[in-house]
């Protein structure tokens, strides 16, 4: 699409988005649990869901007119979605670099896989976050991506360090209370 039809600025090209991690040339770090979850999803799609859907589509195709056959139309659409997900998972698994946090020597510095407890100075509360891969990030479970602003601010810092994290409302000041490496 031409730039004439899209409102773009020069600085938009400089921003880093999570999708960047899926581009070739970037490391795809994962914990063993994250790798296992993606592998299980891949196996389920290839060995269970896709073959079952192919049977349904073949049966629906044998029923005659395909233009008004809901089973056929929906089945083909779902098959494309599954194939797209399988291609995505294949690329992510091929580029995966599994890092086991439990195998890391004990240190008070924050690296990939660390479970970090921080003290928020403004709210007088503690939060615990595990730094994980892009595909396994889930903030509601306390897992943040290693490319997130919070993780980037915490990486390579040590217990006792004060970290300033830019947030939409200003800057959060956090103090690193504890760093653990566990599976």
C-alpha atoms as a PDB file:
ATOM      1  CA  UNK A   1       0.000   0.000   0.000  1.00  0.00           C
ATOM      2  CA  UNK A   2       1.276   3.451  -0.858  1.00  0.00           C
ATOM      3  CA  UNK A   3       2.189   5.910   1.877  1.00  0.00           C
ATOM      4  CA  UNK A   4      -0.276   8.281   0.224  1.00  0.00           C
ATOM      5  CA  UNK A   5      -3.135   6.209   1.616  1.00  0.00           C
ATOM      6  CA  UNK A   6      -1.751   5.656   5.083  1.00  0.00           C
ATOM      7  CA  UNK A   7      -0.989   8.293   7.680  1.00  0.00           C
ATOM      8  CA  UNK A   8       2.573   7.481   8.694  1.00  0.00           C
ATOM      9  CA  UNK A   9       5.377   9.422  10.241  1.00  0.00           C
ATOM     10  CA  UNK A  10       9.116   8.871  10.155  1.00  0.00           C
ATOM     11  CA  UNK A  11       9.235   8.173  13.913  1.00  0.00           C
ATOM     12  CA  UNK A  12       6.670   5.358  13.576  1.00  0.00           C
ATOM     13  CA  UNK A  13       9.362   3.283  11.872  1.00  0.00           C
ATOM     14  CA  UNK A  14      11.692   3.691  14.862  1.00  0.00           C
ATOM     15  CA  UNK A  15       9.247   2.368  17.485  1.00  0.00           C
ATOM     16  CA  UNK A  16       9.729  -1.165  18.782  1.00  0.00           C
ATOM     17  CA  UNK A  17       6.627  -3.317  18.934  1.00  0.00           C
ATOM     18  CA  UNK A  18       6.195  -6.843  20.375  1.00  0.00           C
ATOM     19  CA  UNK A  19       5.675  -8.163  16.832  1.00  0.00           C
ATOM     20  CA  UNK A  20       9.333  -7.339  16.186  1.00  0.00           C
ATOM     21  CA  UNK A  21      10.315 -10.384  18.235  1.00  0.00           C
ATOM     22  CA  UNK A  22       8.681 -12.635  15.622  1.00  0.00           C
ATOM     23  CA  UNK A  23      10.873 -11.217  12.845  1.00  0.00           C
ATOM     24  CA  UNK A  24      13.911 -13.164  11.670  1.00  0.00           C
ATOM     25  CA  UNK A  25      17.135 -12.058  13.319  1.00  0.00           C
ATOM     26  CA  UNK A  26      15.682 -11.542  16.788  1.00  0.00           C
ATOM     27  CA  UNK A  27      16.194 -14.062  19.565  1.00  0.00           C
ATOM     28  CA  UNK A  28      13.138 -16.050  20.554  1.00  0.00           C
ATOM     29  CA  UNK A  29      13.958 -16.812  24.177  1.00  0.00           C
ATOM     30  CA  UNK A  30      11.612 -19.214  25.988  1.00  0.00           C
ATOM     31  CA  UNK A  31      11.497 -20.999  29.290  1.00  0.00           C
ATOM     32  CA  UNK A  32      11.219 -24.797  29.141  1.00  0.00           C
ATOM     33  CA  UNK A  33       7.557 -24.545  30.224  1.00  0.00           C
ATOM     34  CA  UNK A  34       6.794 -22.044  27.458  1.00  0.00           C
ATOM     35  CA  UNK A  35       8.479 -24.229  24.835  1.00  0.00           C
ATOM     36  CA  UNK A  36       6.583 -27.271  26.083  1.00  0.00           C
ATOM     37  CA  UNK A  37       3.237 -25.414  25.893  1.00  0.00           C
ATOM     38  CA  UNK A  38       3.858 -24.307  22.291  1.00  0.00           C
ATOM     39  CA  UNK A  39       5.007 -27.819  21.330  1.00  0.00           C
ATOM     40  CA  UNK A  40       1.851 -29.357  22.874  1.00  0.00           C
ATOM     41  CA  UNK A  41      -0.380 -26.884  21.015  1.00  0.00           C
ATOM     42  CA  UNK A  42       1.441 -27.678  17.756  1.00  0.00           C
ATOM     43  CA  UNK A  43       1.099 -31.454  18.289  1.00  0.00           C
ATOM     44  CA  UNK A  44      -2.604 -31.115  19.148  1.00  0.00           C
ATOM     45  CA  UNK A  45      -3.332 -29.063  16.026  1.00  0.00           C
ATOM     46  CA  UNK A  46      -1.385 -31.387  13.704  1.00  0.00           C
ATOM     47  CA  UNK A  47      -2.416 -34.757  15.144  1.00  0.00           C
ATOM     48  CA  UNK A  48      -5.940 -34.158  16.458  1.00  0.00           C
ATOM     49  CA  UNK A  49      -7.742 -31.006  15.381  1.00  0.00           C
ATOM     50  CA  UNK A  50      -6.629 -30.699  11.744  1.00  0.00           C
ATOM     51  CA  UNK A  51      -7.293 -34.367  10.769  1.00  0.00           C
ATOM     52  CA  UNK A  52     -10.737 -34.241  12.389  1.00  0.00           C
ATOM     53  CA  UNK A  53     -11.574 -31.039  10.497  1.00  0.00           C
ATOM     54  CA  UNK A  54     -10.340 -32.495   7.192  1.00  0.00           C
ATOM     55  CA  UNK A  55     -12.819 -35.362   7.660  1.00  0.00           C
ATOM     56  CA  UNK A  56     -15.678 -32.915   8.259  1.00  0.00           C
ATOM     57  CA  UNK A  57     -14.760 -30.837   5.193  1.00  0.00           C
ATOM     58  CA  UNK A  58     -14.497 -33.971   3.021  1.00  0.00           C
ATOM     59  CA  UNK A  59     -17.900 -35.157   4.235  1.00  0.00           C
ATOM     60  CA  UNK A  60     -19.429 -31.700   3.630  1.00  0.00           C
ATOM     61  CA  UNK A  61     -17.890 -31.523   0.145  1.00  0.00           C
ATOM     62  CA  UNK A  62     -19.510 -34.834  -0.690  1.00  0.00           C
ATOM     63  CA  UNK A  63     -22.957 -33.419   0.115  1.00  0.00           C
ATOM     64  CA  UNK A  64     -23.178 -31.488  -3.138  1.00  0.00           C
ATOM     65  CA  UNK A  65     -23.568 -27.729  -3.587  1.00  0.00           C
ATOM     66  CA  UNK A  66     -20.685 -26.115  -1.731  1.00  0.00           C
ATOM     67  CA  UNK A  67     -21.794 -22.500  -2.168  1.00  0.00           C
ATOM     68  CA  UNK A  68     -24.514 -22.800   0.490  1.00  0.00           C
ATOM     69  CA  UNK A  69     -22.978 -25.580   2.550  1.00  0.00           C
ATOM     70  CA  UNK A  70     -22.253 -24.088   5.982  1.00  0.00           C
ATOM     71  CA  UNK A  71     -20.197 -27.064   7.182  1.00  0.00           C
ATOM     72  CA  UNK A  72     -17.973 -26.832   4.125  1.00  0.00           C
ATOM     73  CA  UNK A  73     -17.567 -23.042   4.207  1.00  0.00           C
ATOM     74  CA  UNK A  74     -16.922 -22.884   7.952  1.00  0.00           C
ATOM     75  CA  UNK A  75     -14.661 -25.951   7.804  1.00  0.00           C
ATOM     76  CA  UNK A  76     -12.486 -24.499   5.038  1.00  0.00           C
ATOM     77  CA  UNK A  77     -12.214 -21.187   6.921  1.00  0.00           C
ATOM     78  CA  UNK A  78     -11.279 -22.960  10.158  1.00  0.00           C
ATOM     79  CA  UNK A  79      -8.787 -25.126   8.254  1.00  0.00           C
ATOM     80  CA  UNK A  80      -7.050 -21.978   6.962  1.00  0.00           C
ATOM     81  CA  UNK A  81      -6.896 -20.608  10.525  1.00  0.00           C
ATOM     82  CA  UNK A  82      -5.376 -23.856  11.817  1.00  0.00           C
ATOM     83  CA  UNK A  83      -2.842 -23.964   8.973  1.00  0.00           C
ATOM     84  CA  UNK A  84      -1.865 -20.358   9.681  1.00  0.00           C
ATOM     85  CA  UNK A  85      -1.388 -21.145  13.383  1.00  0.00           C
ATOM     86  CA  UNK A  86       0.653 -24.257  12.546  1.00  0.00           C
ATOM     87  CA  UNK A  87       2.965 -22.201  10.294  1.00  0.00           C
ATOM     88  CA  UNK A  88       3.352 -19.598  13.054  1.00  0.00           C
ATOM     89  CA  UNK A  89       4.107 -22.224  15.713  1.00  0.00           C
ATOM     90  CA  UNK A  90       6.581 -23.959  13.402  1.00  0.00           C
ATOM     91  CA  UNK A  91       8.536 -20.735  12.922  1.00  0.00           C
ATOM     92  CA  UNK A  92       8.460 -19.903  16.634  1.00  0.00           C
ATOM     93  CA  UNK A  93       9.590 -23.395  17.673  1.00  0.00           C
ATOM     94  CA  UNK A  94      12.371 -23.472  15.060  1.00  0.00           C
ATOM     95  CA  UNK A  95      13.734 -20.135  16.247  1.00  0.00           C
ATOM     96  CA  UNK A  96      13.304 -20.915  19.957  1.00  0.00           C
ATOM     97  CA  UNK A  97      16.250 -20.604  22.276  1.00  0.00           C
ATOM     98  CA  UNK A  98      15.262 -22.383  25.488  1.00  0.00           C
ATOM     99  CA  UNK A  99      16.752 -20.873  28.639  1.00  0.00           C
ATOM    100  CA  UNK A 100      16.227 -22.807  31.859  1.00  0.00           C
ATOM    101  CA  UNK A 101      16.120 -20.375  34.806  1.00  0.00           C
ATOM    102  CA  UNK A 102      16.614 -23.235  37.296  1.00  0.00           C
ATOM    103  CA  UNK A 103      19.995 -24.040  35.701  1.00  0.00           C
ATOM    104  CA  UNK A 104      21.340 -20.508  36.293  1.00  0.00           C
ATOM    105  CA  UNK A 105      23.781 -20.020  39.141  1.00  0.00           C
ATOM    106  CA  UNK A 106      22.370 -18.091  42.083  1.00  0.00           C
ATOM    107  CA  UNK A 107      22.777 -14.361  41.592  1.00  0.00           C
ATOM    108  CA  UNK A 108      21.108 -11.209  42.814  1.00  0.00           C
ATOM    109  CA  UNK A 109      21.031  -9.776  39.262  1.00  0.00           C
ATOM    110  CA  UNK A 110      17.975  -9.913  37.000  1.00  0.00           C
ATOM    111  CA  UNK A 111      18.276 -11.931  33.785  1.00  0.00           C
ATOM    112  CA  UNK A 112      15.844 -13.820  31.552  1.00  0.00           C
ATOM    113  CA  UNK A 113      13.745 -16.295  33.548  1.00  0.00           C
ATOM    114  CA  UNK A 114      14.149 -14.477  36.855  1.00  0.00           C
ATOM    115  CA  UNK A 115      11.269 -14.132  39.264  1.00  0.00           C
ATOM    116  CA  UNK A 116      11.610 -10.589  40.588  1.00  0.00           C
ATOM    117  CA  UNK A 117       9.879  -9.075  43.598  1.00  0.00           C
ATOM    118  CA  UNK A 118       9.719  -5.283  43.494  1.00  0.00           C
ATOM    119  CA  UNK A 119       8.538  -2.684  45.988  1.00  0.00           C
ATOM    120  CA  UNK A 120       6.512   0.184  44.515  1.00  0.00           C
ATOM    121  CA  UNK A 121       7.514   3.318  46.399  1.00  0.00           C
ATOM    122  CA  UNK A 122       4.397   5.324  45.471  1.00  0.00           C
ATOM    123  CA  UNK A 123       1.781   2.696  46.398  1.00  0.00           C
ATOM    124  CA  UNK A 124       3.735   1.001  49.211  1.00  0.00           C
ATOM    125  CA  UNK A 125       3.047  -2.444  47.677  1.00  0.00           C
ATOM    126  CA  UNK A 126       5.089  -5.402  46.488  1.00  0.00           C
ATOM    127  CA  UNK A 127       4.651  -7.138  43.135  1.00  0.00           C
ATOM    128  CA  UNK A 128       6.263 -10.297  41.788  1.00  0.00           C
ATOM    129  CA  UNK A 129       6.996 -10.765  38.085  1.00  0.00           C
ATOM    130  CA  UNK A 130       8.674 -13.536  36.124  1.00  0.00           C
ATOM    131  CA  UNK A 131      10.523 -12.469  32.974  1.00  0.00           C
ATOM    132  CA  UNK A 132       9.595 -14.911  30.199  1.00  0.00           C
ATOM    133  CA  UNK A 133       9.456 -15.209  26.410  1.00  0.00           C
ATOM    134  CA  UNK A 134       7.138 -13.232  24.156  1.00  0.00           C
ATOM    135  CA  UNK A 135       4.855 -16.211  23.467  1.00  0.00           C
ATOM    136  CA  UNK A 136       4.372 -17.110  27.124  1.00  0.00           C
ATOM    137  CA  UNK A 137       3.795 -13.637  28.588  1.00  0.00           C
ATOM    138  CA  UNK A 138       0.622 -13.303  30.637  1.00  0.00           C
ATOM    139  CA  UNK A 139       0.531 -10.324  33.039  1.00  0.00           C
ATOM    140  CA  UNK A 140      -2.507 -11.678  34.896  1.00  0.00           C
ATOM    141  CA  UNK A 141      -0.336 -14.661  35.905  1.00  0.00           C
ATOM    142  CA  UNK A 142       2.631 -12.437  36.797  1.00  0.00           C
ATOM    143  CA  UNK A 143       4.596 -13.283  33.630  1.00  0.00           C
ATOM    144  CA  UNK A 144       5.972 -10.424  31.545  1.00  0.00           C
ATOM    145  CA  UNK A 145       7.786 -10.534  28.232  1.00  0.00           C
ATOM    146  CA  UNK A 146      11.534  -9.854  28.243  1.00  0.00           C
ATOM    147  CA  UNK A 147      10.922  -7.070  25.695  1.00  0.00           C
ATOM    148  CA  UNK A 148       8.305  -5.267  27.799  1.00  0.00           C
ATOM    149  CA  UNK A 149       9.265  -1.840  29.209  1.00  0.00           C
ATOM    150  CA  UNK A 150       9.130  -3.154  32.794  1.00  0.00           C
ATOM    151  CA  UNK A 151      11.374  -6.136  32.028  1.00  0.00           C
ATOM    152  CA  UNK A 152      13.810  -3.979  30.070  1.00  0.00           C
ATOM    153  CA  UNK A 153      14.079  -1.650  33.061  1.00  0.00           C
ATOM    154  CA  UNK A 154      14.700  -4.586  35.430  1.00  0.00           C
ATOM    155  CA  UNK A 155      17.198  -6.555  33.330  1.00  0.00           C
ATOM    156  CA  UNK A 156      20.800  -6.560  34.609  1.00  0.00           C
ATOM    157  CA  UNK A 157      19.795  -4.750  37.806  1.00  0.00           C
ATOM    158  CA  UNK A 158      20.498  -6.167  41.270  1.00  0.00           C
ATOM    159  CA  UNK A 159      18.687  -6.504  44.595  1.00  0.00           C
ATOM    160  CA  UNK A 160      18.487  -3.085  46.230  1.00  0.00           C
ATOM    161  CA  UNK A 161      18.602  -1.148  42.955  1.00  0.00           C
ATOM    162  CA  UNK A 162      15.999   1.519  42.333  1.00  0.00           C
ATOM    163  CA  UNK A 163      14.420   1.318  38.871  1.00  0.00           C
ATOM    164  CA  UNK A 164      12.452   4.004  37.067  1.00  0.00           C
ATOM    165  CA  UNK A 165       9.845   2.647  34.655  1.00  0.00           C
ATOM    166  CA  UNK A 166       8.046   4.978  32.242  1.00  0.00           C
ATOM    167  CA  UNK A 167       4.267   4.486  32.384  1.00  0.00           C
ATOM    168  CA  UNK A 168       1.434   6.423  30.732  1.00  0.00           C
ATOM    169  CA  UNK A 169       0.839   8.473  33.891  1.00  0.00           C
ATOM    170  CA  UNK A 170       4.499   9.382  34.411  1.00  0.00           C
ATOM    171  CA  UNK A 171       7.249   7.309  35.983  1.00  0.00           C
ATOM    172  CA  UNK A 172       6.993   4.412  38.465  1.00  0.00           C
ATOM    173  CA  UNK A 173       9.799   4.067  40.970  1.00  0.00           C
ATOM    174  CA  UNK A 174      10.435   0.454  41.953  1.00  0.00           C
ATOM    175  CA  UNK A 175      13.012  -1.068  44.270  1.00  0.00           C
ATOM    176  CA  UNK A 176      14.178  -4.631  43.592  1.00  0.00           C
ATOM    177  CA  UNK A 177      13.584  -6.632  46.764  1.00  0.00           C
ATOM    178  CA  UNK A 178      14.292 -10.228  45.671  1.00  0.00           C
ATOM    179  CA  UNK A 179      15.520 -12.169  42.627  1.00  0.00           C
ATOM    180  CA  UNK A 180      15.012 -15.928  42.299  1.00  0.00           C
ATOM    181  CA  UNK A 181      15.610 -18.441  39.533  1.00  0.00           C
ATOM    182  CA  UNK A 182      13.263 -21.415  39.582  1.00  0.00           C
ATOM    183  CA  UNK A 183      11.528 -23.595  37.054  1.00  0.00           C
END
